């Protein structure tokens, strides 16, 4: 014996069941992705550690370079520039992720509102039509 229900003989009912199943899977996927995009408790700590480690690395290099050799200052300058670029790039990436999170929230709200409006329109159309005999 199969544990699955038999398919309905009414084509409209079949379409409704398939549509509902697809919507349920989509909603589950949306919530799974929303959980993955949500702000985690450790993200601000990573940003803080990034700045502290960059600053500490720059301080360490300045303590190591005590000579007046122009080559070392030239290398140090490019090293600092590279490090600041790395930090700025990481910050840019984090800001883009935050924007994507906000966009996701807005889209979820819009989709929910649109589904409510469609449901209200369907209900209004159902009330306007006389029952078929």
Protein backbone atom coordinates (compact mmCIF):
# COMPACT_ATOMS: atom_id res chain seq x y z
CA UNK A 1 0.00 0.00 0.00
CA UNK A 2 1.16 3.46 -0.81
CA UNK A 3 1.04 6.19 1.83
CA UNK A 4 0.38 8.85 -0.78
CA UNK A 5 -3.10 10.14 -1.37
CA UNK A 6 -4.66 9.39 -4.74
CA UNK A 7 -4.68 12.28 -7.18
CA UNK A 8 -7.97 14.20 -7.32
CA UNK A 9 -10.13 13.68 -10.36
CA UNK A 10 -10.98 17.37 -10.53
CA UNK A 11 -8.31 19.22 -12.58
CA UNK A 12 -8.92 22.49 -10.70
CA UNK A 13 -8.34 20.75 -7.39
CA UNK A 14 -5.14 19.20 -8.73
CA UNK A 15 -3.87 22.62 -9.82
CA UNK A 16 -4.70 24.08 -6.40
CA UNK A 17 -2.89 21.28 -4.57
CA UNK A 18 0.20 21.54 -6.79
CA UNK A 19 0.23 25.34 -6.40
CA UNK A 20 -0.08 25.02 -2.63
CA UNK A 21 2.74 22.47 -2.51
CA UNK A 22 4.99 24.73 -4.58
CA UNK A 23 4.16 27.72 -2.36
CA UNK A 24 4.98 25.73 0.78
CA UNK A 25 8.35 24.68 -0.64
CA UNK A 26 9.08 28.27 -1.71
CA UNK A 27 8.15 29.61 1.71
CA UNK A 28 10.38 27.05 3.43
CA UNK A 29 13.27 28.00 1.11
CA UNK A 30 12.69 31.72 1.73
CA UNK A 31 12.78 31.25 5.50
CA UNK A 32 15.88 29.05 5.26
CA UNK A 33 17.67 31.73 3.24
CA UNK A 34 16.37 34.45 5.56
CA UNK A 35 17.92 32.61 8.51
CA UNK A 36 21.23 32.35 6.68
CA UNK A 37 21.18 36.10 5.93
CA UNK A 38 20.17 37.21 9.40
CA UNK A 39 22.67 39.09 11.52
CA UNK A 40 24.72 36.75 13.65
CA UNK A 41 26.00 37.71 17.11
CA UNK A 42 29.65 37.36 16.12
CA UNK A 43 29.66 39.66 13.05
CA UNK A 44 30.39 42.91 14.94
CA UNK A 45 33.21 41.12 16.77
CA UNK A 46 34.79 40.15 13.43
CA UNK A 47 34.67 43.77 12.25
CA UNK A 48 36.22 44.96 15.51
CA UNK A 49 38.95 42.32 15.34
CA UNK A 50 39.70 43.29 11.75
CA UNK A 51 40.37 46.90 12.72
CA UNK A 52 42.29 46.00 15.88
CA UNK A 53 44.50 43.52 14.05
CA UNK A 54 45.18 45.98 11.22
CA UNK A 55 46.04 48.74 13.66
CA UNK A 56 48.20 46.42 15.75
CA UNK A 57 50.02 45.18 12.66
CA UNK A 58 50.76 48.73 11.56
CA UNK A 59 52.07 49.58 15.07
CA UNK A 60 54.25 46.48 15.06
CA UNK A 61 55.78 47.37 11.70
CA UNK A 62 56.45 50.96 12.81
CA UNK A 63 58.32 49.64 15.87
CA UNK A 64 60.40 47.31 13.71
CA UNK A 65 61.34 50.01 11.20
CA UNK A 66 63.64 52.35 13.11
CA UNK A 67 66.14 53.17 10.43
CA UNK A 68 66.06 56.23 8.22
CA UNK A 69 66.42 54.11 5.09
CA UNK A 70 64.01 55.51 2.43
CA UNK A 71 63.45 52.05 0.95
CA UNK A 72 61.99 50.76 4.19
CA UNK A 73 59.65 53.72 4.47
CA UNK A 74 58.59 53.20 0.85
CA UNK A 75 57.85 49.52 1.55
CA UNK A 76 56.06 50.46 4.77
CA UNK A 77 53.92 53.02 2.91
CA UNK A 78 52.76 50.46 0.36
CA UNK A 79 52.20 47.89 3.07
CA UNK A 80 49.97 50.30 5.00
CA UNK A 81 48.12 51.18 1.81
CA UNK A 82 47.59 47.48 1.05
CA UNK A 83 46.35 46.81 4.58
CA UNK A 84 43.95 49.76 4.53
CA UNK A 85 42.65 48.63 1.14
CA UNK A 86 42.06 45.15 2.53
CA UNK A 87 40.15 46.57 5.51
CA UNK A 88 38.12 48.93 3.29
CA UNK A 89 37.29 46.11 0.88
CA UNK A 90 36.09 43.93 3.73
CA UNK A 91 33.98 46.78 5.07
CA UNK A 92 32.52 47.33 1.60
CA UNK A 93 31.65 43.66 1.34
CA UNK A 94 30.00 43.76 4.76
CA UNK A 95 27.98 46.84 3.80
CA UNK A 96 26.80 45.09 0.60
CA UNK A 97 25.70 42.08 2.64
CA UNK A 98 23.77 44.38 4.98
CA UNK A 99 22.09 45.98 1.96
CA UNK A 100 21.14 42.55 0.64
CA UNK A 101 19.64 41.67 4.01
CA UNK A 102 17.56 44.84 4.00
CA UNK A 103 16.49 44.19 0.41
CA UNK A 104 15.44 40.68 1.39
CA UNK A 105 13.31 42.04 4.25
CA UNK A 106 11.62 44.54 1.96
CA UNK A 107 10.94 41.94 -0.72
CA UNK A 108 9.49 39.54 1.85
CA UNK A 109 7.15 42.25 3.10
CA UNK A 110 6.11 43.16 -0.45
CA UNK A 111 5.48 39.53 -1.39
CA UNK A 112 3.40 39.02 1.74
CA UNK A 113 1.36 42.15 1.02
CA UNK A 114 0.82 41.11 -2.60
CA UNK A 115 -0.33 37.64 -1.55
CA UNK A 116 -2.83 39.20 0.86
CA UNK A 117 -4.12 41.51 -1.89
CA UNK A 118 -4.51 38.62 -4.33
CA UNK A 119 -6.36 36.62 -1.70
CA UNK A 120 -8.71 39.55 -1.03
CA UNK A 121 -9.36 39.97 -4.77
CA UNK A 122 -10.13 36.26 -5.12
CA UNK A 123 -12.50 36.41 -2.17
CA UNK A 124 -14.21 39.51 -3.59
CA UNK A 125 -14.63 37.81 -6.97
CA UNK A 126 -16.02 34.70 -5.32
CA UNK A 127 -18.67 36.75 -3.51
CA UNK A 128 -19.71 38.59 -6.67
CA UNK A 129 -20.29 35.43 -8.71
CA UNK A 130 -23.52 33.53 -8.11
CA UNK A 131 -23.11 29.86 -7.16
CA UNK A 132 -23.29 27.46 -10.09
CA UNK A 133 -25.86 24.68 -10.06
